[in-house]
Amino acid sequence: MMTTDPIADMLTRIRNALEARHPKVDVPASRLKNDIARILKDEGYIANYKLTEEGTQKSIRIYLKYTPGNMPVSQRARTDRIYYVT
């Protein structure tokens, strides 16, 4: 049986897109991920985000923020299902 962690997947997609210097990244949408994207924007880790719908599939488009010499989301630590982004 394979288990998935959608929050870890979202943060990994963001981190990989940052390392590849992509302007944006799409992640499958959920209410929790939308709330996380809102918090990341409010805290200044990402430039913006919006909910998009392509056919029946909803996704969150996250616009990445780059600062000289500093990656906004560089690592992830997880403790009892609470995520800390540094």
C-alpha atoms as a PDB file:
ATOM      1  CA  MET A   1       0.000   0.000   0.000  1.00  0.00           C
ATOM      2  CA  MET A   2       1.284   3.438  -0.911  1.00  0.00           C
ATOM      3  CA  THR A   3       0.556   6.425   1.277  1.00  0.00           C
ATOM      4  CA  THR A   4       0.893   9.977   0.110  1.00  0.00           C
ATOM      5  CA  ASP A   5       1.430  13.238   1.907  1.00  0.00           C
ATOM      6  CA  PRO A   6      -0.209  16.023  -0.127  1.00  0.00           C
ATOM      7  CA  ILE A   7       1.317  18.846   1.922  1.00  0.00           C
ATOM      8  CA  ALA A   8       4.844  17.477   1.563  1.00  0.00           C
ATOM      9  CA  ASP A   9       4.170  17.029  -2.159  1.00  0.00           C
ATOM     10  CA  MET A  10       3.050  20.679  -2.446  1.00  0.00           C
ATOM     11  CA  LEU A  11       6.134  21.985  -0.627  1.00  0.00           C
ATOM     12  CA  THR A  12       8.423  19.735  -2.675  1.00  0.00           C
ATOM     13  CA  ARG A  13       6.897  21.016  -5.923  1.00  0.00           C
ATOM     14  CA  ILE A  14       7.472  24.604  -4.755  1.00  0.00           C
ATOM     15  CA  ARG A  15      11.058  23.869  -3.695  1.00  0.00           C
ATOM     16  CA  ASN A  16      11.854  22.063  -6.976  1.00  0.00           C
ATOM     17  CA  ALA A  17      10.349  24.879  -9.051  1.00  0.00           C
ATOM     18  CA  LEU A  18      12.411  27.417  -7.099  1.00  0.00           C
ATOM     19  CA  GLU A  19      15.611  25.468  -7.709  1.00  0.00           C
ATOM     20  CA  ALA A  20      14.767  25.273 -11.433  1.00  0.00           C
ATOM     21  CA  ARG A  21      13.970  29.037 -11.433  1.00  0.00           C
ATOM     22  CA  HIS A  22      10.428  28.554 -12.794  1.00  0.00           C
ATOM     23  CA  PRO A  23       8.128  31.605 -12.542  1.00  0.00           C
ATOM     24  CA  LYS A  24       5.167  29.519 -11.342  1.00  0.00           C
ATOM     25  CA  VAL A  25       4.123  26.033 -10.308  1.00  0.00           C
ATOM     26  CA  ASP A  26       0.750  24.260 -10.303  1.00  0.00           C
ATOM     27  CA  VAL A  27      -0.344  21.946  -7.505  1.00  0.00           C
ATOM     28  CA  PRO A  28      -3.582  19.962  -7.198  1.00  0.00           C
ATOM     29  CA  ALA A  29      -6.115  21.997  -5.232  1.00  0.00           C
ATOM     30  CA  SER A  30      -7.641  21.373  -1.832  1.00  0.00           C
ATOM     31  CA  ARG A  31      -8.935  23.673   0.876  1.00  0.00           C
ATOM     32  CA  LEU A  32      -5.930  22.938   3.080  1.00  0.00           C
ATOM     33  CA  LYS A  33      -3.431  23.655   0.294  1.00  0.00           C
ATOM     34  CA  ASN A  34      -5.285  26.872  -0.544  1.00  0.00           C
ATOM     35  CA  ASP A  35      -4.955  27.955   3.097  1.00  0.00           C
ATOM     36  CA  ILE A  36      -1.253  27.066   3.093  1.00  0.00           C
ATOM     37  CA  ALA A  37      -0.732  29.092  -0.106  1.00  0.00           C
ATOM     38  CA  ARG A  38      -2.521  32.050   1.533  1.00  0.00           C
ATOM     39  CA  ILE A  39      -0.236  31.828   4.571  1.00  0.00           C
ATOM     40  CA  LEU A  40       2.883  31.546   2.384  1.00  0.00           C
ATOM     41  CA  LYS A  41       1.782  34.688   0.527  1.00  0.00           C
ATOM     42  CA  ASP A  42       0.937  36.580   3.722  1.00  0.00           C
ATOM     43  CA  GLU A  43       4.342  35.696   5.178  1.00  0.00           C
ATOM     44  CA  GLY A  44       6.164  36.755   1.997  1.00  0.00           C
ATOM     45  CA  TYR A  45       7.414  33.340   0.856  1.00  0.00           C
ATOM     46  CA  ILE A  46       5.596  33.447  -2.498  1.00  0.00           C
ATOM     47  CA  ALA A  47       4.583  36.330  -4.758  1.00  0.00           C
ATOM     48  CA  ASN A  48       0.956  35.289  -5.328  1.00  0.00           C
ATOM     49  CA  TYR A  49      -1.383  32.368  -5.960  1.00  0.00           C
ATOM     50  CA  LYS A  50      -4.713  31.734  -7.645  1.00  0.00           C
ATOM     51  CA  LEU A  51      -7.166  28.881  -8.017  1.00  0.00           C
ATOM     52  CA  THR A  52      -7.369  27.642 -11.610  1.00  0.00           C
ATOM     53  CA  GLU A  53      -9.707  25.161 -13.241  1.00  0.00           C
ATOM     54  CA  GLU A  54      -8.819  23.171 -16.333  1.00  0.00           C
ATOM     55  CA  GLY A  55     -11.719  20.945 -17.278  1.00  0.00           C
ATOM     56  CA  THR A  56     -12.818  19.166 -14.132  1.00  0.00           C
ATOM     57  CA  GLN A  57      -9.389  19.401 -12.455  1.00  0.00           C
ATOM     58  CA  LYS A  58      -8.821  22.292 -10.044  1.00  0.00           C
ATOM     59  CA  SER A  59      -5.316  23.405  -9.218  1.00  0.00           C
ATOM     60  CA  ILE A  60      -3.559  26.184  -7.387  1.00  0.00           C
ATOM     61  CA  ARG A  61      -1.125  28.209  -9.477  1.00  0.00           C
ATOM     62  CA  ILE A  62       1.633  29.535  -7.231  1.00  0.00           C
ATOM     63  CA  TYR A  63       3.714  32.449  -8.502  1.00  0.00           C
ATOM     64  CA  LEU A  64       7.186  32.181  -7.054  1.00  0.00           C
ATOM     65  CA  LYS A  65       9.172  34.946  -5.440  1.00  0.00           C
ATOM     66  CA  TYR A  66      12.906  35.281  -5.899  1.00  0.00           C
ATOM     67  CA  THR A  67      15.283  37.416  -3.881  1.00  0.00           C
ATOM     68  CA  PRO A  68      18.992  37.794  -4.709  1.00  0.00           C
ATOM     69  CA  GLY A  69      21.055  35.103  -2.994  1.00  0.00           C
ATOM     70  CA  ASN A  70      18.189  33.762  -0.889  1.00  0.00           C
ATOM     71  CA  MET A  71      15.708  30.981  -1.610  1.00  0.00           C
ATOM     72  CA  PRO A  72      12.402  31.766   0.181  1.00  0.00           C
ATOM     73  CA  VAL A  73      11.491  28.101   0.781  1.00  0.00           C
ATOM     74  CA  SER A  74      14.709  26.195   1.313  1.00  0.00           C
ATOM     75  CA  GLN A  75      13.875  23.324   3.622  1.00  0.00           C
ATOM     76  CA  ARG A  76      10.996  21.635   5.367  1.00  0.00           C
ATOM     77  CA  ALA A  77      10.703  20.142   8.828  1.00  0.00           C
ATOM     78  CA  ARG A  78       7.738  18.092   9.945  1.00  0.00           C
ATOM     79  CA  THR A  79       6.669  17.419  13.506  1.00  0.00           C
ATOM     80  CA  ASP A  80       3.431  15.569  14.256  1.00  0.00           C
ATOM     81  CA  ARG A  81       1.779  16.737  11.025  1.00  0.00           C
ATOM     82  CA  ILE A  82       2.752  20.365  11.670  1.00  0.00           C
ATOM     83  CA  TYR A  83       4.940  21.837   8.958  1.00  0.00           C
ATOM     84  CA  TYR A  84       7.543  24.509   9.476  1.00  0.00           C
ATOM     85  CA  VAL A  85       8.848  26.178   6.334  1.00  0.00           C
ATOM     86  CA  THR A  86      12.203  27.920   6.611  1.00  0.00           C
END
